[in-house]
Amino acid sequence: MDRFFHSVTLDKEKCKGCTNCIKRCPTEAIRVRNGKAVITPERCIDCSVCIRVCPYHAKKAKSDPMDIIKAYKYKIALPAPALYGQFNNLDIIDIVLTGLKRVGFDEVFEVSRGAEMVSDATRRLMAQGTLLKPVISSACPAIVRLIRVRFPDLCAHVLPLRAPMETAARLARKEAMEKTGLPSEDIGIFFITPCAAKVTDIKVPIGIEASSVDGAVAISEIYPQLVGCMNKVEEPEAISNSGIIGVSWAGIGGEAAALLNEKHLAADGIENVIKVLEDLEDERLSELDFIELNACPGGCVGGIFTVENPYVAQARIQRLRKYLPVSCNHLPGKQVPAEMKWTGELEFAPVLNLADNIEEAMKRMSMVEEITDRLPGLDCGSCGAPSCRALAEDIVLGEAKESDCIFKMREKIQRIADQLIEMEGYLPKNREPGGEENEP
């Protein structure tokens, strides 16, 4: 698998070269070159912001097609809790889960079950006092990638636990192997995803060597077929086995509230998240124990693959909660199982490599500073870069030139015009017959 796989893609035929995406990208991963947007794969975190702001629908997210499940003998669906908020007047989760089985899955295992176990594991780890506080949730892969690209000093604060999706997949596979007697390779596990970042996290995970999930089907793709099957369900199967804590992970604040600790903060939307991370980097939030961050507005219910307004979906989740127990899943014993933890540490992923050796890199960094000082500092984006400094970096790397700045180009044109006017004064004057001079 390509280590730079991304779910967020660009359709250059639809791109008009506007600057909406470059101004909103949180990692400056996009440039406009020759009238078309270009995504730098090393910088992209699949947050889907560019998809939301593109007026021409040139950015899109890809997921696995439903047909992918046919490659396996036994098919298991992992519905994200956000799925439940997509349906109006839903009182019983089992209707959705039964509908998934009728769509083509042999078994359904709720990701909310995994969420309750991750919440339990988080409470235990925090009680041990071994985590660096404030602890930052690792549930949103876009946030984890944002931190490793843009906030390297905060990597040690990220919770080293696998996401609920991974915990649910591992347990689902184990139960299916015991139930069917089939080998692991015959069992396909598919996440019903609300967002593009989860698709990328399955293909190229962070913190673990490989994902336990075999594919990700977008909620928006399965929704029409699922609604049709749900409408025909008269007696739903008793499948659901999760409570308020697990289902609440669908919206912002659900994970933090599950810790039963008042010293927490929850923020959604990439711009708000960045403000929180900047404050944390400046040591302004040291009084907190836990920070929950979601790239999508409203949390997972606001994912790019959902079909309902995130705030409407959140309200539906709130109503659905009143029919549920507090929690149905807990860890056995007193220790957090090793298989729930990351297998590696989160490390800084430098995306700006000016040179292969330090001496040359320092020299080029000085060049970046000098060029930045010469630029107007307006960060208008007209050059195709999100900021004047980003343009300076591109110039040093040979990917742009100073004249790409329209203000520098205007100055150059004005100098040429002034020179032409000055030269005009030195031109010989024409003489009319009879010896009279006329202006040329």
Protein backbone atom coordinates (compact mmCIF):
# COMPACT_ATOMS: atom_id res chain seq x y z
CA MET A 1 0.00 0.00 0.00
CA ASP A 2 1.24 3.46 -0.92
CA ARG A 3 2.27 5.20 2.31
CA PHE A 4 0.74 8.38 0.91
CA PHE A 5 -2.67 6.86 0.14
CA HIS A 6 -5.43 9.41 0.57
CA SER A 7 -9.19 9.12 0.49
CA VAL A 8 -9.52 12.79 -0.48
CA THR A 9 -8.86 13.17 -4.21
CA LEU A 10 -8.90 15.91 -6.84
CA ASP A 11 -10.78 16.01 -10.13
CA LYS A 12 -8.67 18.42 -12.20
CA GLU A 13 -11.31 18.62 -14.92
CA LYS A 14 -13.70 20.30 -12.49
CA CYS A 15 -11.09 22.49 -10.81
CA LYS A 16 -11.31 26.17 -11.80
CA GLY A 17 -8.19 27.28 -9.97
CA CYS A 18 -9.96 29.31 -7.29
CA THR A 19 -8.26 29.77 -3.93
CA ASN A 20 -10.97 28.53 -1.57
CA CYS A 21 -9.19 25.28 -0.79
CA ILE A 22 -5.68 26.65 -0.34
CA LYS A 23 -6.88 29.23 2.18
CA ARG A 24 -8.74 26.70 4.33
CA CYS A 25 -6.38 23.71 4.29
CA PRO A 26 -5.00 23.34 7.85
CA THR A 27 -1.65 21.94 6.73
CA GLU A 28 -1.08 24.06 3.60
CA ALA A 29 -1.25 20.90 1.51
CA ILE A 30 -2.78 22.55 -1.57
CA ARG A 31 -1.33 24.87 -4.20
CA VAL A 32 -2.79 26.24 -7.41
CA ARG A 33 -0.35 25.80 -10.29
CA ASN A 34 -1.13 26.53 -13.94
CA GLY A 35 -4.74 27.20 -13.07
CA LYS A 36 -5.34 23.88 -11.27
CA ALA A 37 -5.16 22.77 -7.67
CA VAL A 38 -2.38 20.37 -6.65
CA ILE A 39 -2.48 18.36 -3.40
CA THR A 40 0.84 17.58 -1.69
CA PRO A 41 0.38 14.03 -0.36
CA GLU A 42 2.93 14.41 2.46
CA ARG A 43 0.91 17.25 3.96
CA CYS A 44 -2.68 16.04 3.43
CA ILE A 45 -4.47 14.71 6.53
CA ASP A 46 -7.78 13.81 4.81
CA CYS A 47 -9.77 16.20 6.98
CA SER A 48 -12.17 16.88 4.06
CA VAL A 49 -12.17 20.66 4.59
CA CYS A 50 -11.31 21.18 0.91
CA ILE A 51 -14.31 19.07 -0.09
CA ARG A 52 -16.64 21.23 1.98
CA VAL A 53 -15.37 24.57 0.65
CA CYS A 54 -14.90 23.73 -3.05
CA PRO A 55 -17.75 25.40 -4.99
CA TYR A 56 -17.03 23.33 -8.10
CA HIS A 57 -17.01 19.89 -6.42
CA ALA A 58 -13.49 19.27 -7.69
CA LYS A 59 -12.50 17.57 -4.42
CA LYS A 60 -14.12 14.30 -3.49
CA ALA A 61 -13.60 11.41 -1.10
CA LYS A 62 -13.40 7.79 -2.13
CA SER A 63 -14.40 4.71 -0.18
CA ASP A 64 -14.83 1.04 -0.96
CA PRO A 65 -17.83 -0.05 -3.07
CA MET A 66 -20.45 -2.36 -1.57
CA ASP A 67 -19.36 -5.11 -3.94
CA ILE A 68 -16.15 -5.51 -1.95
CA ILE A 69 -17.97 -7.66 0.60
CA LYS A 70 -18.54 -10.37 -2.00
CA ALA A 71 -14.87 -11.36 -1.84
CA TYR A 72 -15.38 -12.96 1.59
CA LYS A 73 -17.34 -16.00 2.76
CA TYR A 74 -18.45 -14.37 6.01
CA LYS A 75 -19.18 -10.65 6.03
CA ILE A 76 -19.34 -8.47 9.14
CA ALA A 77 -20.57 -4.88 9.26
CA LEU A 78 -19.14 -2.42 11.78
CA PRO A 79 -21.66 0.46 11.92
CA ALA A 80 -20.32 3.73 13.32
CA PRO A 81 -22.60 5.24 16.00
CA ALA A 82 -23.07 8.23 13.66
CA LEU A 83 -25.13 5.95 11.38
CA TYR A 84 -28.01 5.94 13.87
CA GLY A 85 -28.46 9.68 13.61
CA GLN A 86 -29.22 9.49 9.88
CA PHE A 87 -32.75 8.11 10.35
CA ASN A 88 -35.84 9.98 11.49
CA ASN A 89 -38.12 8.58 14.22
CA LEU A 90 -35.66 5.81 15.09
CA ASP A 91 -36.40 4.37 18.53
CA ILE A 92 -34.68 0.99 18.29
CA ILE A 93 -31.11 0.53 17.08
CA ASP A 94 -31.85 -3.11 16.25
CA ILE A 95 -33.88 -1.96 13.24
CA VAL A 96 -30.73 -0.49 11.70
CA LEU A 97 -28.63 -3.52 12.60
CA THR A 98 -31.21 -5.93 11.19
CA GLY A 99 -31.36 -3.84 8.05
CA LEU A 100 -27.60 -4.19 7.64
CA LYS A 101 -27.93 -7.97 7.71
CA ARG A 102 -30.59 -7.83 5.03
CA VAL A 103 -28.37 -5.61 2.88
CA GLY A 104 -25.90 -8.48 2.61
CA PHE A 105 -23.91 -8.83 5.82
CA ASP A 106 -23.87 -12.07 7.80
CA GLU A 107 -23.15 -10.40 11.12
CA VAL A 108 -23.17 -6.94 12.68
CA PHE A 109 -20.85 -5.77 15.44
CA GLU A 110 -21.43 -2.26 16.77
CA VAL A 111 -18.46 0.09 16.89
CA SER A 112 -20.18 1.61 19.95
CA ARG A 113 -19.27 -1.61 21.79
CA GLY A 114 -15.63 -0.96 21.00
CA ALA A 115 -16.11 2.67 22.08
CA GLU A 116 -17.29 1.62 25.52
CA MET A 117 -14.24 -0.58 25.94
CA VAL A 118 -11.90 2.22 24.81
CA SER A 119 -13.58 4.55 27.32
CA ASP A 120 -13.01 1.96 30.04
CA ALA A 121 -9.37 1.56 29.00
CA THR A 122 -8.86 5.34 28.96
CA ARG A 123 -10.26 5.71 32.48
CA ARG A 124 -7.89 3.02 33.73
CA LEU A 125 -4.81 4.46 32.05
CA MET A 126 -5.57 7.94 33.34
CA ALA A 127 -6.10 6.59 36.86
CA GLN A 128 -2.62 5.04 36.72
CA GLY A 129 -1.14 8.50 36.25
CA THR A 130 1.30 7.40 33.53
CA LEU A 131 -0.14 9.52 30.72
CA LEU A 132 1.08 13.03 29.94
CA LYS A 133 -1.77 15.46 30.64
CA PRO A 134 -3.80 16.88 29.13
CA VAL A 135 -4.39 13.64 27.25
CA ILE A 136 -5.53 14.16 23.65
CA SER A 137 -7.97 11.68 22.18
CA SER A 138 -6.64 9.51 19.34
CA ALA A 139 -10.08 8.56 18.01
CA CYS A 140 -10.12 11.03 15.08
CA PRO A 141 -7.37 10.03 12.62
CA ALA A 142 -7.40 13.46 10.94
CA ILE A 143 -6.51 15.07 14.28
CA VAL A 144 -3.74 12.55 14.94
CA ARG A 145 -2.26 13.30 11.52
CA LEU A 146 -2.64 17.04 12.08
CA ILE A 147 -0.66 16.80 15.32
CA ARG A 148 2.18 14.77 13.83
CA VAL A 149 2.48 17.21 10.91
CA ARG A 150 1.90 20.58 12.55
CA PHE A 151 2.21 20.17 16.35
CA PRO A 152 5.14 17.79 16.95
CA ASP A 153 5.59 18.89 20.58
CA LEU A 154 2.12 17.49 21.35
CA CYS A 155 2.72 13.98 20.01
CA ALA A 156 3.46 12.69 23.50
CA HIS A 157 0.03 13.88 24.70
CA VAL A 158 -1.93 11.69 22.25
CA LEU A 159 -3.70 8.71 23.82
CA PRO A 160 -1.85 5.55 22.67
CA LEU A 161 -4.98 3.45 22.25
CA ARG A 162 -6.49 1.94 19.12
CA ALA A 163 -9.68 3.56 17.91
CA PRO A 164 -13.05 1.92 18.72
CA MET A 165 -13.26 0.74 15.11
CA GLU A 166 -10.10 -1.34 15.55
CA THR A 167 -11.15 -2.77 18.92
CA ALA A 168 -14.56 -3.69 17.54
CA ALA A 169 -13.01 -5.32 14.45
CA ARG A 170 -10.65 -7.45 16.52
CA LEU A 171 -13.44 -8.70 18.78
CA ALA A 172 -15.80 -9.26 15.84
CA ARG A 173 -13.23 -11.38 14.02
CA LYS A 174 -12.53 -13.45 17.12
CA GLU A 175 -16.23 -14.12 17.73
CA ALA A 176 -16.84 -14.97 14.07
CA MET A 177 -13.95 -17.46 13.96
CA GLU A 178 -15.28 -19.21 17.06
CA LYS A 179 -18.83 -19.22 15.73
CA THR A 180 -18.19 -20.34 12.15
CA GLY A 181 -14.90 -22.21 12.34
CA LEU A 182 -13.69 -20.24 9.33
CA PRO A 183 -10.10 -19.01 9.08
CA SER A 184 -9.44 -15.31 9.49
CA GLU A 185 -8.82 -14.72 5.77
CA ASP A 186 -12.37 -15.86 4.91
CA ILE A 187 -13.93 -13.29 7.23
CA GLY A 188 -14.36 -9.77 5.88
CA ILE A 189 -14.92 -6.88 8.29
CA PHE A 190 -16.23 -3.60 6.90
CA PHE A 191 -16.59 -0.28 8.64
CA ILE A 192 -19.67 1.76 7.73
CA THR A 193 -17.84 5.05 7.75
CA PRO A 194 -19.03 8.64 8.18
CA CYS A 195 -15.72 10.20 7.11
CA ALA A 196 -12.83 10.02 4.67
CA ALA A 197 -10.12 10.03 7.33
CA LYS A 198 -11.24 6.60 8.55
CA VAL A 199 -10.83 5.20 5.04
CA THR A 200 -7.23 6.40 5.01
CA ASP A 201 -6.68 5.11 8.54
CA ILE A 202 -7.65 1.62 7.42
CA LYS A 203 -5.34 1.68 4.41
CA VAL A 204 -2.35 3.35 6.14
CA PRO A 205 -2.92 3.32 9.91
CA ILE A 206 -0.91 5.29 12.45
CA GLY A 207 0.24 3.74 15.72
CA ILE A 208 -0.31 0.16 14.56
CA GLU A 209 1.25 -1.98 11.86
CA ALA A 210 -1.96 -2.99 10.09
CA SER A 211 -5.69 -2.44 10.47
CA SER A 212 -8.05 -5.22 11.53
CA VAL A 213 -10.65 -3.80 9.14
CA ASP A 214 -10.81 -5.04 5.54
CA GLY A 215 -12.66 -2.14 3.99
CA ALA A 216 -14.77 0.97 4.52
CA VAL A 217 -18.17 1.54 2.92
CA ALA A 218 -19.50 5.11 3.07
CA ILE A 219 -22.74 5.76 4.91
CA SER A 220 -23.92 7.75 1.89
CA GLU A 221 -23.44 4.73 -0.39
CA ILE A 222 -25.20 2.17 1.76
CA TYR A 223 -27.94 4.51 2.99
CA PRO A 224 -30.50 4.18 0.12
CA GLN A 225 -30.38 0.40 0.14
CA LEU A 226 -30.37 0.27 3.93
CA VAL A 227 -33.47 2.48 4.23
CA GLY A 228 -35.33 0.18 1.85
CA CYS A 229 -34.44 -2.87 3.94
CA MET A 230 -35.25 -1.15 7.24
CA ASN A 231 -38.72 -0.25 6.01
CA LYS A 232 -39.45 -3.95 5.59
CA VAL A 233 -38.28 -4.95 9.07
CA GLU A 234 -41.27 -5.94 11.19
CA GLU A 235 -39.53 -7.92 13.93
CA PRO A 236 -35.93 -6.73 14.36
CA GLU A 237 -33.33 -9.14 15.66
CA ALA A 238 -31.96 -8.53 19.16
CA ILE A 239 -28.44 -7.54 18.08
CA SER A 240 -27.63 -4.28 19.86
CA ASN A 241 -25.34 -4.60 22.85
CA SER A 242 -24.17 -1.09 23.69
CA GLY A 243 -25.39 1.80 25.80
CA ILE A 244 -25.37 5.56 26.21
CA ILE A 245 -21.60 5.80 26.55
CA GLY A 246 -20.88 4.00 23.27
CA VAL A 247 -23.58 5.63 21.17
CA SER A 248 -22.65 9.10 22.46
CA TRP A 249 -19.29 8.84 20.69
CA ALA A 250 -21.21 9.82 17.53
CA GLY A 251 -21.24 13.49 18.54
CA ILE A 252 -18.78 15.94 19.99
CA GLY A 253 -18.28 15.56 23.74
CA GLY A 254 -19.42 11.95 23.92
CA GLU A 255 -15.97 10.47 24.42
CA ALA A 256 -14.94 13.08 27.00
CA ALA A 257 -18.16 12.68 28.99
CA ALA A 258 -17.60 8.91 29.19
CA LEU A 259 -14.49 9.50 31.33
CA LEU A 260 -16.69 10.74 34.19
CA ASN A 261 -14.21 13.56 34.73
CA GLU A 262 -15.14 17.23 34.75
CA LYS A 263 -11.68 18.45 33.72
CA HIS A 264 -12.16 17.92 30.03
CA LEU A 265 -12.63 19.93 26.86
CA ALA A 266 -14.27 19.00 23.57
CA ALA A 267 -13.86 20.93 20.31
CA ASP A 268 -15.06 20.27 16.77
CA GLY A 269 -14.27 21.78 13.38
CA ILE A 270 -10.69 22.01 12.19
CA GLU A 271 -10.31 25.77 12.82
CA ASN A 272 -11.49 25.43 16.43
CA VAL A 273 -9.29 22.38 16.92
CA ILE A 274 -6.21 24.31 15.76
CA LYS A 275 -6.95 27.09 18.24
CA VAL A 276 -7.13 24.55 21.06
CA LEU A 277 -3.89 22.87 19.99
CA GLU A 278 -2.13 26.24 19.79
CA ASP A 279 -3.29 27.07 23.32
CA LEU A 280 -2.15 23.67 24.51
CA GLU A 281 1.21 24.18 22.84
CA ASP A 282 1.50 27.50 24.68
CA GLU A 283 0.72 25.69 27.97
CA ARG A 284 -2.54 27.53 28.52
CA LEU A 285 -4.64 24.41 29.15
CA SER A 286 -2.58 22.67 31.80
CA GLU A 287 -5.55 22.51 34.18
CA LEU A 288 -7.32 19.98 31.93
CA ASP A 289 -7.02 16.21 32.12
CA PHE A 290 -8.50 15.24 28.75
CA ILE A 291 -9.11 16.90 25.39
CA GLU A 292 -11.46 15.48 22.77
CA LEU A 293 -10.98 16.86 19.27
CA ASN A 294 -12.94 16.16 16.09
CA ALA A 295 -12.09 17.52 12.66
CA CYS A 296 -15.70 17.39 11.49
CA PRO A 297 -18.32 19.88 12.72
CA GLY A 298 -20.47 18.22 15.35
CA GLY A 299 -18.15 15.23 15.59
CA CYS A 300 -18.52 12.04 13.55
CA VAL A 301 -22.14 12.93 12.73
CA GLY A 302 -20.66 15.74 10.62
CA GLY A 303 -18.49 13.44 8.50
CA ILE A 304 -18.32 14.01 4.75
CA PHE A 305 -20.00 10.63 4.06
CA THR A 306 -23.10 11.30 6.19
CA VAL A 307 -26.42 12.24 4.60
CA GLU A 308 -28.06 14.25 7.39
CA ASN A 309 -27.35 17.68 8.84
CA PRO A 310 -24.91 17.00 11.72
CA TYR A 311 -26.92 18.96 14.26
CA VAL A 312 -30.13 17.19 13.30
CA ALA A 313 -28.30 13.87 13.56
CA GLN A 314 -26.94 14.84 16.97
CA ALA A 315 -30.45 15.68 18.20
CA ARG A 316 -31.65 12.27 17.02
CA ILE A 317 -28.81 10.57 18.86
CA GLN A 318 -29.80 12.45 22.01
CA ARG A 319 -33.37 11.19 21.73
CA LEU A 320 -32.20 7.66 21.03
CA ARG A 321 -30.03 7.64 24.16
CA LYS A 322 -32.98 7.70 26.55
CA TYR A 323 -33.90 4.15 25.59
CA LEU A 324 -30.44 2.77 26.36
CA PRO A 325 -28.58 1.54 29.44
CA VAL A 326 -25.51 3.49 30.53
CA SER A 327 -22.97 0.94 29.27
CA CYS A 328 -22.91 -2.72 28.26
CA ASN A 329 -19.21 -3.39 27.69
CA HIS A 330 -16.30 -3.41 30.13
CA LEU A 331 -12.77 -4.73 30.12
CA PRO A 332 -12.09 -7.98 31.96
CA GLY A 333 -9.57 -7.87 34.78
CA LYS A 334 -7.73 -4.79 35.98
CA GLN A 335 -5.22 -4.25 33.18
CA VAL A 336 -5.71 -2.75 29.75
CA PRO A 337 -5.18 -5.54 27.16
CA ALA A 338 -2.01 -5.09 25.12
CA GLU A 339 -3.97 -5.60 21.89
CA MET A 340 -5.89 -2.38 22.57
CA LYS A 341 -2.72 -0.30 22.68
CA TRP A 342 -0.65 1.19 19.90
CA THR A 343 2.36 -0.81 18.82
CA GLY A 344 4.46 2.29 18.15
CA GLU A 345 4.83 5.87 19.30
CA LEU A 346 3.43 8.86 17.45
CA GLU A 347 6.32 10.65 15.79
CA PHE A 348 6.72 13.99 14.06
CA ALA A 349 6.32 13.76 10.29
CA PRO A 350 8.28 16.68 8.79
CA VAL A 351 6.67 17.86 5.58
CA LEU A 352 9.01 20.76 4.75
CA ASN A 353 12.35 19.34 3.66
CA LEU A 354 14.42 22.21 2.29
CA ALA A 355 17.58 20.11 1.90
CA ASP A 356 19.07 16.73 2.77
CA ASN A 357 21.77 18.15 5.04
CA ILE A 358 21.47 20.61 7.92
CA GLU A 359 23.92 23.17 6.55
CA GLU A 360 22.11 23.52 3.25
CA ALA A 361 18.73 23.47 5.00
CA MET A 362 19.77 26.36 7.27
CA LYS A 363 21.02 28.30 4.27
CA ARG A 364 17.73 27.80 2.47
CA MET A 365 15.76 28.69 5.58
CA SER A 366 17.56 32.06 5.60
CA MET A 367 16.58 32.46 1.97
CA VAL A 368 12.96 31.77 2.90
CA GLU A 369 13.10 34.50 5.54
CA GLU A 370 14.64 36.99 3.11
CA ILE A 371 12.07 36.30 0.40
CA THR A 372 9.22 36.45 2.91
CA ASP A 373 10.39 39.90 4.01
CA ARG A 374 10.33 41.08 0.40
CA LEU A 375 6.79 39.84 -0.18
CA PRO A 376 3.83 42.07 0.80
CA GLY A 377 2.66 39.87 3.69
CA LEU A 378 -1.00 40.01 2.65
CA ASP A 379 -1.45 36.23 2.39
CA CYS A 380 -4.02 36.79 -0.35
CA GLY A 381 -3.51 33.43 -2.06
CA SER A 382 -3.53 34.95 -5.55
CA CYS A 383 -0.10 33.43 -6.22
CA GLY A 384 -1.48 29.94 -5.73
CA ALA A 385 0.07 29.48 -2.27
CA PRO A 386 -1.87 29.92 0.97
CA SER A 387 0.51 32.50 2.44
CA CYS A 388 3.49 34.66 1.55
CA ARG A 389 5.75 32.42 3.60
CA ALA A 390 4.43 29.34 1.81
CA LEU A 391 5.22 31.04 -1.51
CA ALA A 392 8.73 31.82 -0.24
CA GLU A 393 9.22 28.15 0.62
CA ASP A 394 8.01 27.14 -2.83
CA ILE A 395 10.41 29.62 -4.45
CA VAL A 396 13.38 28.21 -2.53
CA LEU A 397 12.34 24.68 -3.52
CA GLY A 398 12.15 25.75 -7.17
CA GLU A 399 8.41 25.19 -7.42
CA ALA A 400 7.47 28.85 -7.86
CA LYS A 401 9.01 32.22 -8.66
CA GLU A 402 8.78 35.59 -7.00
CA SER A 403 6.89 37.06 -9.94
CA ASP A 404 3.99 34.70 -9.13
CA CYS A 405 3.06 37.30 -6.53
CA ILE A 406 0.72 39.70 -8.34
CA PHE A 407 1.93 42.60 -6.23
CA LYS A 408 5.57 41.93 -7.11
CA MET A 409 4.54 41.50 -10.73
CA ARG A 410 2.67 44.81 -10.63
CA GLU A 411 5.77 46.51 -9.22
CA LYS A 412 7.85 44.99 -12.01
CA ILE A 413 5.41 46.14 -14.68
CA GLN A 414 5.36 49.63 -13.17
CA ARG A 415 9.16 49.80 -13.27
CA ILE A 416 9.16 48.74 -16.90
CA ALA A 417 6.51 51.35 -17.70
CA ASP A 418 8.52 54.05 -15.92
CA GLN A 419 11.62 53.03 -17.86
CA LEU A 420 9.71 53.24 -21.15
CA ILE A 421 8.46 56.72 -20.30
CA GLU A 422 11.99 57.77 -19.38
CA MET A 423 13.38 56.34 -22.59
CA GLU A 424 10.74 58.22 -24.57
CA GLY A 425 12.37 61.51 -23.56
CA TYR A 426 15.61 60.49 -25.26
CA LEU A 427 14.05 59.56 -28.58
CA PRO A 428 14.82 61.90 -31.55
CA LYS A 429 11.95 64.18 -32.52
CA ASN A 430 10.42 64.03 -36.00
CA ARG A 431 10.82 67.00 -38.37
CA GLU A 432 8.08 68.15 -40.68
CA PRO A 433 9.00 69.45 -44.19
CA GLY A 434 10.13 73.04 -43.78
CA GLY A 435 12.22 72.23 -40.68
CA GLU A 436 9.58 72.35 -37.95
CA GLU A 437 9.84 69.78 -35.14
CA ASN A 438 6.88 67.62 -34.16
CA GLU A 439 6.45 65.29 -31.24
CA PRO A 440 6.85 61.65 -32.23
